Protein backbone atom coordinates (compact mmCIF):
# COMPACT_ATOMS: atom_id res chain seq x y z
CA MET A 1 55.60 108.33 81.35
CA LYS A 2 57.57 106.37 78.77
CA GLU A 3 61.28 105.67 78.99
CA SER A 4 63.40 107.86 76.76
CA ARG A 5 64.66 106.76 73.37
CA LEU A 6 68.22 107.11 74.65
CA HIS A 7 67.47 104.79 77.56
CA LYS A 8 65.94 102.18 75.21
CA ASN A 9 68.84 102.37 72.76
CA PHE A 10 71.42 102.13 75.50
CA THR A 11 69.60 99.22 77.11
CA LYS A 12 69.53 97.41 73.77
CA LEU A 13 73.23 98.01 73.31
CA ILE A 14 74.07 96.55 76.72
CA LEU A 15 71.83 93.52 76.38
CA GLU A 16 73.39 92.71 73.00
CA LYS A 17 76.85 92.57 74.60
CA ASP A 18 78.03 89.44 76.39
CA TYR A 19 78.55 90.63 79.97
CA LYS A 20 77.41 87.27 81.40
CA GLY A 21 75.20 89.10 83.87
CA ASN A 22 78.17 90.83 85.54
CA PHE A 23 77.02 94.43 85.39
CA SER A 24 79.06 96.96 87.33
CA LEU A 25 80.20 100.56 87.24
CA LEU A 26 83.29 99.48 85.34
CA THR A 27 81.01 98.05 82.66
CA PHE A 28 79.06 101.29 82.67
CA PHE A 29 82.11 103.53 82.40
CA SER A 30 83.71 101.29 79.77
CA LEU A 31 80.77 102.07 77.49
CA LEU A 32 81.64 105.73 77.94
CA SER A 33 85.39 105.10 77.46
CA LYS A 34 86.05 106.56 80.91
CA ASN A 35 87.98 103.61 82.35
CA LYS A 36 91.51 102.92 81.17
CA GLN A 37 94.68 101.12 82.13
CA TYR A 38 97.70 103.14 83.19
CA SER A 39 101.41 102.55 83.63
CA LEU A 40 103.64 103.50 86.56
CA SER A 41 104.95 106.44 84.55
CA GLU A 42 101.45 107.72 83.74
CA ILE A 43 100.31 107.46 87.36
CA LYS A 44 103.42 109.32 88.47
CA GLU A 45 102.53 112.19 86.11
CA PHE A 46 99.04 112.47 87.63
CA TRP A 47 100.53 112.73 91.13
CA LYS A 48 103.21 115.16 89.95
CA GLU A 49 100.50 117.47 88.63
CA HIS A 50 98.54 117.19 91.88
CA ILE A 51 101.62 117.88 94.04
CA SER A 52 102.33 120.93 91.89
CA LYS A 53 98.85 122.28 92.73
CA ILE A 54 99.48 121.67 96.44
CA LYS A 55 102.77 123.59 96.29
CA LYS A 56 101.05 126.50 94.52
CA GLY A 57 98.27 126.56 97.14
CA ILE A 58 95.57 125.66 94.61
CA VAL A 59 94.52 122.58 96.59
CA GLU A 60 95.14 121.55 100.19
CA ASN A 61 97.47 118.72 101.11
CA LYS A 62 95.19 115.93 102.33
CA ILE A 63 97.10 112.87 101.16
CA SER A 64 96.96 109.60 103.07
CA PHE A 65 99.33 106.69 102.43
CA TYR A 66 97.99 103.14 102.07
CA ILE A 67 99.99 99.91 101.74
CA HIS A 68 98.23 96.68 100.82
CA ILE A 69 99.61 93.33 102.01
CA PRO A 70 97.22 90.86 100.31
CA PHE A 71 98.59 87.64 101.83
CA CYS A 72 96.60 85.45 104.23
CA ARG A 73 97.17 82.02 105.72
CA SER A 74 93.64 81.09 104.52
CA ARG A 75 90.56 82.86 103.18
CA CYS A 76 87.76 83.71 105.61
CA ALA A 77 84.35 82.66 104.27
CA TYR A 78 82.98 86.22 104.36
CA CYS A 79 86.04 87.99 102.84
CA ARG A 80 85.38 90.33 99.91
CA HIS A 81 88.86 91.86 99.65
CA PHE A 82 91.66 90.97 97.27
CA TYR A 83 93.81 88.30 98.86
CA TRP A 84 96.58 85.85 97.99
CA LYS A 85 97.31 82.67 99.92
CA CYS A 86 100.75 82.86 101.48
CA ASN A 87 102.72 79.87 100.21
CA SER A 88 106.22 80.74 101.43
CA ARG A 89 108.37 83.32 103.20
CA GLU A 90 110.19 83.81 99.88
CA GLU A 91 106.92 84.90 98.27
CA LEU A 92 106.54 87.61 100.91
CA ASP A 93 110.16 88.65 100.33
CA TYR A 94 109.51 89.06 96.64
CA TYR A 95 106.34 91.06 97.28
CA LEU A 96 108.31 93.43 99.52
CA LYS A 97 110.92 93.76 96.79
CA ALA A 98 108.18 94.89 94.38
CA LEU A 99 106.83 97.35 96.99
CA ILE A 100 110.30 98.81 97.51
CA PHE A 101 110.73 99.16 93.74
CA LYS A 102 107.55 101.29 93.62
CA MET A 103 108.53 103.30 96.71
CA ASN A 104 111.83 104.22 95.09
CA PHE A 105 110.06 105.11 91.84
CA PHE A 106 107.57 107.53 93.44
CA ARG A 107 109.68 109.03 96.23
CA ASP A 108 111.02 112.08 94.37
CA ILE A 109 107.62 113.62 93.65
CA PHE A 110 106.61 113.36 97.33
CA SER A 111 109.92 114.67 98.71
CA GLU A 112 108.35 117.93 99.98
CA ILE A 113 105.05 116.40 101.11
CA LYS A 114 104.06 115.05 104.51
CA PHE A 115 101.39 112.36 104.38
CA LYS A 116 98.60 112.94 106.89
CA THR A 117 98.07 109.29 107.82
CA LEU A 118 99.43 105.81 107.17
CA TYR A 119 97.30 102.68 106.87
CA ILE A 120 98.71 99.19 106.25
CA GLY A 121 95.93 96.73 105.52
CA GLY A 122 95.23 93.47 103.79
CA GLY A 123 95.05 90.63 103.68
CA THR A 124 97.12 90.10 106.79
CA PRO A 125 100.05 92.52 107.25
CA SER A 126 101.00 90.76 110.50
CA LEU A 127 102.06 87.73 108.43
CA LEU A 128 105.29 89.58 107.67
CA SER A 129 108.25 88.34 109.71
CA GLU A 130 110.14 90.57 112.15
CA ARG A 131 112.92 91.00 109.57
CA GLN A 132 110.41 91.86 106.83
CA LEU A 133 108.61 94.41 109.03
CA ARG A 134 111.89 96.15 109.88
CA ASN A 135 112.83 96.22 106.20
CA LEU A 136 109.45 97.63 105.18
CA PHE A 137 109.54 100.50 107.68
CA THR A 138 113.21 101.32 107.06
CA VAL A 139 112.56 101.87 103.35
CA LEU A 140 109.20 103.57 103.94
CA TYR A 141 110.57 106.23 106.28
CA LYS A 142 113.68 106.70 104.17
CA ASN A 143 111.54 107.62 101.17
CA PHE A 144 108.47 109.35 102.63
CA LYS A 145 107.53 111.78 105.42
CA PHE A 146 104.51 111.62 107.72
CA GLU A 147 102.77 114.03 110.06
CA GLU A 148 103.91 113.36 113.60
CA LYS A 149 100.35 113.63 114.99
CA GLY A 150 98.75 111.56 112.22
CA GLU A 151 97.16 108.18 112.71
CA LYS A 152 99.36 105.25 111.64
CA THR A 153 97.45 101.97 111.60
CA LEU A 154 98.37 98.37 110.88
CA GLU A 155 95.81 95.54 110.70
CA CYS A 156 96.63 92.36 112.62
CA ASN A 157 95.29 88.84 112.85
CA PRO A 158 95.73 87.49 116.41
CA ILE A 159 97.29 84.22 115.15
CA SER A 160 100.27 86.07 113.61
CA SER A 161 100.69 88.83 116.23
CA SER A 162 103.58 87.95 118.52
CA PHE A 163 104.83 90.28 121.26
CA SER A 164 108.11 90.84 119.41
CA LYS A 165 106.28 91.83 116.20
CA LEU A 166 104.01 94.24 118.06
CA LYS A 167 107.04 95.81 119.74
CA ILE A 168 108.65 96.33 116.31
CA LEU A 169 105.46 98.00 115.06
CA ASN A 170 105.32 100.31 118.05
CA ASN A 171 108.99 101.22 117.66
CA SER A 172 108.34 101.85 113.94
CA GLY A 173 105.79 104.57 114.62
CA ILE A 174 102.56 102.56 114.35
CA ASN A 175 100.29 104.24 116.92
CA ARG A 176 97.03 102.45 116.21
CA ILE A 177 96.81 98.67 116.04
CA SER A 178 93.62 97.04 114.77
CA PHE A 179 92.79 93.41 115.49
CA GLY A 180 90.27 91.69 113.18
CA ILE A 181 88.54 89.45 115.76
CA GLN A 182 85.05 89.35 114.10
CA SER A 183 83.52 87.09 116.80
CA THR A 184 84.43 85.22 119.96
CA ASN A 185 82.00 82.40 119.23
CA GLU A 186 84.21 79.44 118.29
CA LYS A 187 81.46 77.59 116.43
CA ILE A 188 80.79 80.60 114.21
CA LEU A 189 84.51 81.23 113.73
CA LYS A 190 85.04 77.64 112.61
CA SER A 191 82.23 77.90 110.03
CA MET A 192 83.92 81.09 108.72
CA ASN A 193 87.24 79.22 108.24
CA ARG A 194 88.76 80.88 111.33
CA GLY A 195 88.86 77.81 113.57
CA TYR A 196 92.40 78.70 114.67
CA GLU A 197 91.11 81.62 116.78
CA ASN A 198 89.87 81.49 120.37
CA PHE A 199 89.34 83.97 123.21
CA ALA A 200 92.53 82.96 125.05
CA LEU A 201 94.54 83.90 121.93
CA VAL A 202 92.69 87.22 121.61
CA LYS A 203 93.29 88.07 125.27
CA ARG A 204 96.98 87.28 124.95
CA VAL A 205 97.61 89.52 121.93
CA ILE A 206 95.62 92.44 123.38
CA ASP A 207 97.71 92.13 126.55
CA TYR A 208 100.82 92.20 124.34
CA ALA A 209 99.57 95.36 122.61
CA LYS A 210 98.93 97.05 125.96
CA LYS A 211 102.44 96.25 127.13
CA CYS A 212 103.74 97.88 123.95
CA LYS A 213 101.73 101.01 124.85
CA PHE A 214 100.13 101.72 121.47
CA LYS A 215 98.30 105.02 121.49
CA ARG A 216 95.14 103.20 120.44
CA ILE A 217 94.09 99.55 120.30
CA ASN A 218 91.04 98.73 118.18
CA VAL A 219 89.05 95.51 117.81
CA ASP A 220 86.78 94.80 114.82
CA LEU A 221 83.61 92.72 115.19
CA ILE A 222 81.13 91.69 112.49
CA ILE A 223 77.37 91.32 112.79
CA GLY A 224 75.57 89.20 110.19
CA LEU A 225 77.80 86.12 110.16
CA TYR A 226 75.84 82.97 109.43
CA GLY A 227 74.75 81.41 112.72
CA ASP A 228 75.10 84.53 114.83
CA ASN A 229 72.25 86.46 116.43
CA PRO A 230 72.02 89.66 118.48
CA LYS A 231 72.78 87.80 121.69
CA THR A 232 75.91 86.06 120.34
CA VAL A 233 77.20 89.41 119.04
CA ILE A 234 76.45 91.07 122.40
CA LYS A 235 78.34 88.26 124.11
CA SER A 236 81.33 88.82 121.81
CA PHE A 237 81.17 92.53 122.58
CA CYS A 238 81.10 91.89 126.33
CA GLN A 239 84.04 89.50 126.19
CA ILE A 240 86.11 91.97 124.18
CA ALA A 241 85.01 94.87 126.42
CA THR A 242 86.48 93.09 129.47
CA LEU A 243 89.88 93.36 127.75
CA ARG A 244 89.50 97.17 127.57
CA PRO A 245 90.64 98.01 124.03
CA ASP A 246 90.36 101.73 123.25
CA SER A 247 87.65 101.09 120.66
CA ILE A 248 85.42 98.31 119.36
CA ALA A 249 84.25 98.78 115.78
CA LEU A 250 81.16 96.96 114.51
CA TYR A 251 80.78 96.25 110.80
CA PRO A 252 77.68 94.73 109.21
CA LEU A 253 78.61 91.87 106.91
CA GLN A 254 78.65 92.61 103.19
CA PRO A 255 78.31 89.17 101.57
CA THR A 256 80.12 87.92 98.51
CA GLN A 257 78.35 85.84 95.87
CA GLU A 258 80.16 82.76 97.22
CA TYR A 259 78.91 83.52 100.72
CA LEU A 260 75.32 83.87 99.51
CA ALA A 261 75.61 80.61 97.58
CA LYS A 262 76.96 78.74 100.60
CA PHE A 263 74.56 80.02 103.26
CA TYR A 264 71.57 81.69 101.56
CA GLN A 265 70.83 79.72 98.38
CA ASN A 266 72.14 82.64 96.30
CA LYS A 267 69.31 84.87 97.53
CA LYS A 268 70.54 88.30 98.64
CA GLU A 269 67.06 89.26 99.79
CA HIS A 270 67.11 86.44 102.35
CA PHE A 271 70.43 87.67 103.72
CA ASN A 272 69.15 91.28 103.81
CA LYS A 273 66.07 90.30 105.79
CA ASP A 274 68.15 88.21 108.19
CA LEU A 275 70.65 91.03 108.81
CA LYS A 276 67.96 93.69 109.19
CA ASN A 277 66.26 91.67 111.94
CA LYS A 278 69.59 91.11 113.69
CA LEU A 279 70.50 94.79 113.55
CA LYS A 280 67.14 95.94 114.84
CA GLU A 281 67.35 93.80 117.96
CA PHE A 282 71.08 94.35 118.43
CA PHE A 283 70.91 98.15 118.54
CA ILE A 284 68.11 97.98 121.08
CA LEU A 285 70.17 95.69 123.32
CA ILE A 286 73.65 97.17 122.96
CA LYS A 287 73.29 100.65 124.47
CA PRO A 288 72.94 99.66 128.15
CA VAL A 289 75.57 96.94 127.67
CA ALA A 290 78.08 99.42 126.19
CA LEU A 291 77.47 101.90 129.01
CA ARG A 292 77.97 99.17 131.58
CA TYR A 293 81.50 98.71 130.28
CA ASN A 294 82.02 102.49 130.03
CA TYR A 295 81.97 102.59 126.23
CA PHE A 296 80.20 105.41 124.44
CA TYR A 297 78.36 104.82 121.20
CA PHE A 298 78.60 107.49 118.52
CA SER A 299 75.92 106.93 115.89
CA PRO A 300 72.85 108.30 114.12
CA SER A 301 69.44 107.46 115.55
CA LEU A 302 68.24 103.88 115.73
CA LYS A 303 65.70 104.57 112.99
CA GLU A 304 68.43 105.81 110.65
CA LEU A 305 70.66 102.86 111.45
CA ILE A 306 67.99 100.32 110.59
CA SER A 307 67.18 102.05 107.31
CA LEU A 308 70.87 102.38 106.48
CA SER A 309 71.26 98.63 106.79
CA ASP A 310 69.00 98.21 103.78
CA ALA A 311 71.51 100.12 101.70
CA TRP A 312 74.74 98.73 103.17
CA ASN A 313 75.93 102.24 103.89
CA PHE A 314 77.52 101.78 107.30
CA LEU A 315 80.63 103.49 108.46
CA SER A 316 82.32 101.65 111.29
CA LYS A 317 80.28 102.12 114.45
CA GLU A 318 82.86 102.49 117.17
CA TYR A 319 82.29 101.99 120.87
CA ILE A 320 84.97 104.17 122.43
CA THR A 321 86.23 104.45 125.99
CA ASP A 322 86.25 107.85 127.65
CA SER A 323 90.04 107.63 127.75
CA GLU A 324 90.35 107.47 123.96
CA LYS A 325 93.36 109.40 122.67
CA GLN A 326 92.56 111.45 119.59
CA PHE A 327 94.83 111.96 116.57
CA LEU A 328 95.17 115.32 114.86
CA TYR A 329 94.82 113.54 111.49
CA LYS A 330 92.71 110.40 111.02
CA TYR A 331 92.09 108.29 107.94
CA ASP A 332 88.48 108.74 106.80
CA ASP A 333 87.53 107.89 103.21
CA THR A 334 84.16 109.61 103.68
CA GLU A 335 86.01 112.94 103.72
CA ARG A 336 87.58 114.89 100.85
CA ILE A 337 90.97 113.23 101.02
CA ASP A 338 93.46 111.88 98.52
CA CYS A 339 95.00 108.46 98.94
CA PHE A 340 98.29 107.18 97.54
CA GLY A 341 98.30 103.38 97.57
CA LEU A 342 101.02 100.81 96.96
CA GLY A 343 100.73 97.05 96.49
CA THR A 344 98.61 94.67 94.45
CA GLY A 345 94.93 95.32 95.10
CA SER A 346 95.52 98.77 96.60
CA CYS A 347 93.08 101.53 95.65
CA SER A 348 94.19 105.15 95.21
CA TYR A 349 92.43 108.38 94.39
CA ILE A 350 93.03 112.03 93.70
CA PHE A 351 89.78 113.68 94.71
CA GLY A 352 87.83 115.00 91.71
CA ASN A 353 90.46 113.71 89.30
CA LEU A 354 91.27 109.99 89.34
CA ARG A 355 90.46 106.67 91.01
CA TYR A 356 92.63 103.66 90.23
CA GLN A 357 93.58 100.20 91.48
CA ASP A 358 96.86 98.30 91.25
CA ILE A 359 96.15 95.10 89.30
CA GLY A 360 99.78 94.09 88.81
CA GLU A 361 100.88 90.67 90.03
CA ASP A 362 103.69 91.35 92.47
CA PHE A 363 103.82 87.76 93.75
CA TYR A 364 106.07 86.19 91.13
CA PRO A 365 109.84 86.59 90.56
CA THR A 366 109.20 87.67 86.97
CA SER A 367 106.55 90.28 87.75
CA ILE A 368 108.37 93.50 88.74
CA GLN A 369 106.83 95.80 86.18
CA THR A 370 108.52 98.02 83.65
CA LEU A 371 107.71 101.70 83.88
CA ASN A 372 105.40 101.58 80.87
CA GLU A 373 103.56 98.34 81.64
CA LYS A 374 99.82 98.92 82.23
CA ILE A 375 99.37 97.69 85.80
CA TYR A 376 96.73 100.14 87.03
CA TYR A 377 93.03 100.16 86.18
CA GLY A 378 91.30 103.46 86.76
CA ILE A 379 88.62 106.01 85.99
CA LYS A 380 89.73 109.52 85.06
CA PHE A 381 87.30 112.30 85.94
CA ASP A 382 87.32 115.47 83.88
CA SER A 383 85.55 117.38 86.67
CA LEU A 384 84.14 117.07 90.17
CA LYS A 385 80.72 116.67 88.53
CA GLU A 386 81.89 113.43 86.98
CA GLN A 387 83.05 112.12 90.33
CA LYS A 388 79.65 113.01 91.79
CA LEU A 389 78.05 111.02 88.99
CA TYR A 390 80.33 108.07 89.69
CA HIS A 391 79.43 108.20 93.39
CA LEU A 392 75.72 108.38 92.57
CA LEU A 393 75.82 105.51 90.10
CA ILE A 394 77.93 103.22 92.24
CA GLY A 395 75.50 103.81 95.09
CA LEU A 396 72.40 103.11 93.03
CA ASP A 397 74.05 100.15 91.29
CA SER A 398 74.66 98.46 94.65
CA ASN A 399 71.52 99.99 96.22
CA LYS A 400 73.37 101.75 99.02
CA LEU A 401 73.37 105.54 98.78
CA SER A 402 73.13 107.82 101.83
CA LEU A 403 72.15 111.46 101.32
CA ARG A 404 74.02 112.43 104.47
CA ALA A 405 77.23 110.66 103.37
CA TYR A 406 77.04 112.34 99.95
CA LYS A 407 76.75 115.79 101.55
CA LYS A 408 79.65 115.06 103.89
CA LEU A 409 81.84 114.04 100.96
CA PHE A 410 80.93 116.70 98.40
CA GLY A 411 79.51 119.55 100.50
CA SER A 412 76.37 119.73 98.37
CA ASP A 413 72.87 118.27 98.34
CA LEU A 414 72.47 115.21 96.10
CA LEU A 415 68.77 115.93 95.51
CA GLU A 416 69.68 119.38 94.21
CA ASP A 417 72.70 118.24 92.19
CA PHE A 418 70.61 115.61 90.36
CA GLN A 419 67.13 117.07 90.75
CA ARG A 420 65.94 116.61 87.15
CA ILE A 421 67.19 113.02 86.84
CA ILE A 422 65.87 111.97 90.24
CA ASN A 423 62.43 113.40 89.49
CA LYS A 424 62.37 111.51 86.18
CA LEU A 425 63.27 108.21 87.87
CA LYS A 426 60.65 108.78 90.58
CA LYS A 427 57.94 109.39 87.96
CA LEU A 428 58.96 106.13 86.28
CA ASN A 429 58.59 104.47 89.70
CA LYS A 430 62.20 103.30 89.47
CA LEU A 431 63.57 105.23 92.45
CA LYS A 432 62.50 105.97 96.02
CA ILE A 433 63.72 108.22 98.81
CA LYS A 434 63.21 106.99 102.36
CA GLY A 435 64.70 108.99 105.20
CA ASP A 436 68.41 109.30 104.54
CA LEU A 437 68.35 106.74 101.72
CA ILE A 438 67.91 106.98 97.99
CA PHE A 439 67.63 103.68 96.12
CA LEU A 440 66.38 102.06 92.93
CA THR A 441 63.26 99.95 93.38
CA SER A 442 64.35 96.96 91.30
CA LYS A 443 65.88 94.05 93.26
CA SER A 444 67.67 92.71 90.19
CA PRO A 445 71.30 93.95 89.83
CA ARG A 446 70.90 93.67 86.04
CA GLN A 447 67.76 95.81 86.02
CA ARG A 448 69.23 98.34 88.47
CA PHE A 449 72.18 98.71 86.15
CA VAL A 450 69.95 99.25 83.13
CA ASP A 451 67.69 101.68 85.00
CA SER A 452 70.69 103.81 85.94
CA LEU A 453 71.20 104.59 82.26
CA ILE A 454 68.19 106.90 82.22
CA MET A 455 70.42 109.47 83.89
CA LEU A 456 72.66 109.77 80.87
CA GLN A 457 70.22 111.79 78.81
CA ASN A 458 70.52 114.85 81.08
CA LEU A 459 74.12 114.61 82.23
CA TRP A 460 77.57 115.42 80.93
CA TYR A 461 78.28 112.66 78.45
CA LYS A 462 76.38 113.80 75.36
CA SER A 463 79.54 114.00 73.28
CA SER A 464 80.63 110.53 74.41
CA LEU A 465 77.22 109.03 73.72
CA LYS A 466 77.22 110.11 70.08
CA ASN A 467 79.85 107.51 69.41
CA VAL A 468 78.21 104.67 71.36
């Protein structure tokens, strides 16, 4: 079966443009004129319209609040998030000033809304001083309301988590504290640019958190760091388990290009193979170990986990004590929720309508934006179908799409929603379905991107394509 004329023409168009090999969904949607830059005033209008629908009962209130603090003392070798090196306390002060400016600007449209959850991430939010933390929460609670039984999380690095800071967080309504530990192996930590961390420090800050009586204490670990193996990860788990946090979340490493260049000669397939072997052995070993420490593992079957690792489609796998205290509302971006984000690098979305990211530079004394300055970069969906397409393409583009996750998010079957396109790709031998996974067969990001364009001939962009 030959590729369609549309696919060939579109491929030719892309290859003629100078994208320097950096193909992504933003490139894809820019060809369709779906991605645009927005100002503070324009974003406010989108939220005003959405809040109006909530008040009229057209849509349910499922809005979570996210604040991004991008500053870090140094960059971890594996980090893939937006970050800014903290150069001075004054820089943090200015960033807070910019956050407060935006809080004041948006507060009126949310005056009758209670946010379900609060999540403050980074970066390293615990870098803020005691004074800065008090200032942040004073303004936040003055301007916005939150559900009393909702989860309120703040991410901490042990090195910047003093007892007095943790006490301020607890007194400010933070009920879930999350420590990014990643590993207890000092050799591995040093190679990841985290040589400042050791187990004694970790034990001390978890003891501090217990004294503050947070409703839930979480520890994050990573599997797939260069130099680790299933036994070193199990050892990290055991050491953390002796400290009795309420949950231990395991994340498989998702490498950056810099990480692959440093440790895997720029070969993603080598990293994939290495991680898959580690995961296979780890999940066989961990179950009896977790039970020994009275932690319970909630997960799909081992077979599904191993196949999921090929597609990088993990949710956090949490090992939870039987005494875990549940929240009525929890942040879960795999559900149909809306998210209102503040701060440079923060991502926000109105489900079925808009996804956008703050790209403004709030670090400099001259950077507090005017109301009409374009500081957000987003994709506007004209329908839920378009968001489904975005989800499908972003999954295939990065080779990580779970059928189960899609159904959980949209309440429909991906194979039925895209039956005609999927069958066409399968006949061209460009797509496979294996268990819970659907993925493109090409290992080249460039070719995967080009292959995704076949879908356009049967989807909703015919009018847009006429002008391409």
